[in-house]
Amino acid sequence: MVFPKESKDWNYETAISSVEEMIQKIESGDLPLETVFSQFELAVEQVNQCEQFLNQGMGKMNLMIETLEDCEEEF
């Protein structure tokens, strides 16, 4: 699996759009079962990458908030 930091071309919005597209294809009922399984696997990988991206962003934001709070305490 390629994690967001490892790929310069990875984009959160594109990943979400891709997952939504895969879900629509799966829900259409027109795909062979084997394709449904592979599309589902890809969708789960994309969702995991999105979750990792969001967790990394939240961690950075929390660190910045702590830094700001520490600066305010010094004044």
N, C-alpha and C. Protein backbone atom coordinates (compact mmCIF):
# COMPACT_ATOMS: atom_id res chain seq x y z
N MET A 1 0.84 -1.18 0.00
CA MET A 1 0.00 0.00 0.00
C MET A 1 0.88 1.24 0.00
N VAL A 2 0.54 2.24 -0.79
CA VAL A 2 1.26 3.49 -0.84
C VAL A 2 0.58 4.46 0.12
N PHE A 3 1.35 4.96 1.05
CA PHE A 3 0.80 5.91 2.01
C PHE A 3 0.93 7.32 1.45
N PRO A 4 0.05 8.23 1.87
CA PRO A 4 0.03 9.58 1.32
C PRO A 4 1.39 10.26 1.27
N LYS A 5 2.20 10.13 2.31
CA LYS A 5 3.49 10.80 2.33
C LYS A 5 4.45 10.23 1.29
N GLU A 6 4.25 8.98 0.90
CA GLU A 6 5.15 8.32 -0.02
C GLU A 6 4.87 8.65 -1.48
N SER A 7 3.74 9.23 -1.78
CA SER A 7 3.38 9.54 -3.15
C SER A 7 3.11 11.04 -3.29
N LYS A 8 3.87 11.68 -4.18
CA LYS A 8 3.70 13.11 -4.39
C LYS A 8 2.40 13.41 -5.13
N ASP A 9 1.88 12.42 -5.86
CA ASP A 9 0.67 12.63 -6.66
C ASP A 9 -0.61 12.36 -5.88
N TRP A 10 -0.49 11.83 -4.65
CA TRP A 10 -1.67 11.49 -3.87
C TRP A 10 -2.39 12.76 -3.44
N ASN A 11 -3.72 12.73 -3.53
CA ASN A 11 -4.53 13.88 -3.17
C ASN A 11 -5.79 13.39 -2.46
N TYR A 12 -6.10 13.98 -1.31
CA TYR A 12 -7.24 13.55 -0.49
C TYR A 12 -8.54 13.61 -1.28
N GLU A 13 -8.80 14.74 -1.92
CA GLU A 13 -10.05 14.92 -2.64
C GLU A 13 -10.18 13.92 -3.79
N THR A 14 -9.09 13.67 -4.48
CA THR A 14 -9.10 12.70 -5.57
C THR A 14 -9.36 11.30 -5.04
N ALA A 15 -8.75 10.98 -3.89
CA ALA A 15 -8.96 9.66 -3.29
C ALA A 15 -10.42 9.46 -2.90
N ILE A 16 -11.02 10.48 -2.27
CA ILE A 16 -12.42 10.38 -1.87
C ILE A 16 -13.31 10.22 -3.09
N SER A 17 -13.04 10.97 -4.13
CA SER A 17 -13.81 10.87 -5.37
C SER A 17 -13.69 9.47 -5.97
N SER A 18 -12.49 8.93 -5.92
CA SER A 18 -12.25 7.59 -6.44
C SER A 18 -13.04 6.54 -5.65
N VAL A 19 -13.06 6.68 -4.33
CA VAL A 19 -13.82 5.76 -3.48
C VAL A 19 -15.31 5.85 -3.80
N GLU A 20 -15.81 7.06 -3.94
CA GLU A 20 -17.22 7.25 -4.26
C GLU A 20 -17.57 6.60 -5.60
N GLU A 21 -16.67 6.73 -6.56
CA GLU A 21 -16.88 6.13 -7.88
C GLU A 21 -16.91 4.61 -7.78
N MET A 22 -15.98 4.05 -6.99
CA MET A 22 -15.94 2.60 -6.82
C MET A 22 -17.22 2.09 -6.15
N ILE A 23 -17.69 2.83 -5.15
CA ILE A 23 -18.92 2.44 -4.46
C ILE A 23 -20.10 2.43 -5.42
N GLN A 24 -20.18 3.45 -6.27
CA GLN A 24 -21.27 3.50 -7.26
C GLN A 24 -21.22 2.30 -8.19
N LYS A 25 -20.02 1.94 -8.63
CA LYS A 25 -19.87 0.79 -9.52
C LYS A 25 -20.30 -0.49 -8.81
N ILE A 26 -19.87 -0.63 -7.55
CA ILE A 26 -20.22 -1.83 -6.78
C ILE A 26 -21.73 -1.91 -6.59
N GLU A 27 -22.33 -0.78 -6.22
CA GLU A 27 -23.77 -0.76 -5.95
C GLU A 27 -24.62 -0.93 -7.21
N SER A 28 -24.03 -0.69 -8.36
CA SER A 28 -24.80 -0.80 -9.61
C SER A 28 -25.28 -2.23 -9.84
N GLY A 29 -24.54 -3.20 -9.32
CA GLY A 29 -24.91 -4.59 -9.53
C GLY A 29 -24.51 -5.13 -10.89
N ASP A 30 -23.82 -4.31 -11.68
CA ASP A 30 -23.45 -4.71 -13.03
C ASP A 30 -22.07 -5.38 -13.11
N LEU A 31 -21.33 -5.39 -12.03
CA LEU A 31 -19.97 -5.92 -12.05
C LEU A 31 -19.95 -7.41 -11.70
N PRO A 32 -19.04 -8.14 -12.30
CA PRO A 32 -18.84 -9.53 -11.88
C PRO A 32 -18.36 -9.55 -10.43
N LEU A 33 -18.66 -10.62 -9.73
CA LEU A 33 -18.33 -10.71 -8.32
C LEU A 33 -16.84 -10.52 -8.06
N GLU A 34 -15.99 -11.06 -8.89
CA GLU A 34 -14.54 -10.91 -8.73
C GLU A 34 -14.14 -9.43 -8.78
N THR A 35 -14.75 -8.69 -9.69
CA THR A 35 -14.47 -7.26 -9.81
C THR A 35 -14.98 -6.51 -8.59
N VAL A 36 -16.12 -6.91 -8.07
CA VAL A 36 -16.66 -6.29 -6.85
C VAL A 36 -15.65 -6.44 -5.72
N PHE A 37 -15.09 -7.64 -5.58
CA PHE A 37 -14.10 -7.87 -4.52
C PHE A 37 -12.87 -6.99 -4.70
N SER A 38 -12.36 -6.91 -5.91
CA SER A 38 -11.16 -6.11 -6.16
C SER A 38 -11.44 -4.61 -5.98
N GLN A 39 -12.61 -4.15 -6.42
CA GLN A 39 -12.97 -2.74 -6.25
C GLN A 39 -13.13 -2.41 -4.76
N PHE A 40 -13.74 -3.34 -4.02
CA PHE A 40 -13.91 -3.13 -2.59
C PHE A 40 -12.55 -3.05 -1.90
N GLU A 41 -11.63 -3.92 -2.28
CA GLU A 41 -10.29 -3.91 -1.69
C GLU A 41 -9.59 -2.57 -1.96
N LEU A 42 -9.69 -2.09 -3.19
CA LEU A 42 -9.09 -0.80 -3.54
C LEU A 42 -9.73 0.35 -2.75
N ALA A 43 -11.04 0.29 -2.60
CA ALA A 43 -11.75 1.33 -1.86
C ALA A 43 -11.30 1.36 -0.40
N VAL A 44 -11.14 0.19 0.20
CA VAL A 44 -10.69 0.12 1.59
C VAL A 44 -9.28 0.70 1.72
N GLU A 45 -8.40 0.39 0.78
CA GLU A 45 -7.04 0.94 0.80
C GLU A 45 -7.08 2.47 0.72
N GLN A 46 -7.92 2.99 -0.16
CA GLN A 46 -8.03 4.44 -0.31
C GLN A 46 -8.57 5.08 0.97
N VAL A 47 -9.57 4.46 1.58
CA VAL A 47 -10.14 4.99 2.82
C VAL A 47 -9.08 4.97 3.92
N ASN A 48 -8.28 3.92 3.99
CA ASN A 48 -7.21 3.86 4.98
C ASN A 48 -6.18 4.97 4.77
N GLN A 49 -5.84 5.24 3.51
CA GLN A 49 -4.91 6.33 3.21
C GLN A 49 -5.51 7.67 3.62
N CYS A 50 -6.79 7.85 3.36
CA CYS A 50 -7.46 9.11 3.75
C CYS A 50 -7.45 9.27 5.26
N GLU A 51 -7.72 8.19 5.97
CA GLU A 51 -7.73 8.24 7.42
C GLU A 51 -6.35 8.58 7.96
N GLN A 52 -5.31 7.97 7.38
CA GLN A 52 -3.95 8.27 7.81
C GLN A 52 -3.62 9.75 7.54
N PHE A 53 -4.01 10.25 6.39
CA PHE A 53 -3.78 11.65 6.04
C PHE A 53 -4.45 12.57 7.05
N LEU A 54 -5.71 12.28 7.37
CA LEU A 54 -6.44 13.11 8.32
C LEU A 54 -5.82 13.04 9.72
N ASN A 55 -5.40 11.86 10.14
CA ASN A 55 -4.76 11.71 11.45
C ASN A 55 -3.44 12.48 11.51
N GLN A 56 -2.67 12.46 10.43
CA GLN A 56 -1.42 13.21 10.38
C GLN A 56 -1.70 14.71 10.47
N GLY A 57 -2.71 15.16 9.74
CA GLY A 57 -3.08 16.57 9.77
C GLY A 57 -3.56 17.00 11.14
N MET A 58 -4.36 16.16 11.78
CA MET A 58 -4.85 16.48 13.14
C MET A 58 -3.68 16.55 14.13
N GLY A 59 -2.73 15.64 13.98
CA GLY A 59 -1.56 15.65 14.85
C GLY A 59 -0.77 16.93 14.69
N LYS A 60 -0.58 17.37 13.47
CA LYS A 60 0.14 18.63 13.21
C LYS A 60 -0.61 19.81 13.80
N MET A 61 -1.93 19.82 13.61
CA MET A 61 -2.74 20.92 14.14
C MET A 61 -2.69 20.95 15.67
N ASN A 62 -2.78 19.78 16.29
CA ASN A 62 -2.72 19.73 17.75
C ASN A 62 -1.37 20.23 18.26
N LEU A 63 -0.30 19.88 17.57
CA LEU A 63 1.03 20.36 17.95
C LEU A 63 1.12 21.88 17.82
N MET A 64 0.56 22.43 16.76
CA MET A 64 0.58 23.88 16.57
C MET A 64 -0.25 24.58 17.65
N ILE A 65 -1.38 23.99 18.01
CA ILE A 65 -2.22 24.57 19.06
C ILE A 65 -1.48 24.57 20.39
N GLU A 66 -0.81 23.45 20.71
CA GLU A 66 -0.03 23.37 21.94
C GLU A 66 1.07 24.42 21.95
N THR A 67 1.72 24.60 20.80
CA THR A 67 2.79 25.60 20.69
C THR A 67 2.24 26.99 20.93
N LEU A 68 1.09 27.29 20.35
CA LEU A 68 0.46 28.60 20.56
C LEU A 68 0.08 28.81 22.01
N GLU A 69 -0.46 27.77 22.64
CA GLU A 69 -0.85 27.88 24.04
C GLU A 69 0.37 28.10 24.92
N ASP A 70 1.48 27.43 24.60
CA ASP A 70 2.71 27.62 25.37
C ASP A 70 3.22 29.05 25.20
N CYS A 71 3.11 29.60 24.00
CA CYS A 71 3.55 30.99 23.74
C CYS A 71 2.68 31.97 24.53
N GLU A 72 1.37 31.70 24.59
CA GLU A 72 0.47 32.59 25.33
C GLU A 72 0.78 32.58 26.82
N GLU A 73 1.15 31.42 27.35
CA GLU A 73 1.48 31.31 28.77
C GLU A 73 2.73 32.11 29.12
N GLU A 74 3.65 32.23 28.17
CA GLU A 74 4.89 32.96 28.41
C GLU A 74 4.66 34.46 28.52
N PHE A 75 3.57 34.93 27.91
CA PHE A 75 3.30 36.37 27.94
C PHE A 75 2.46 36.69 29.09
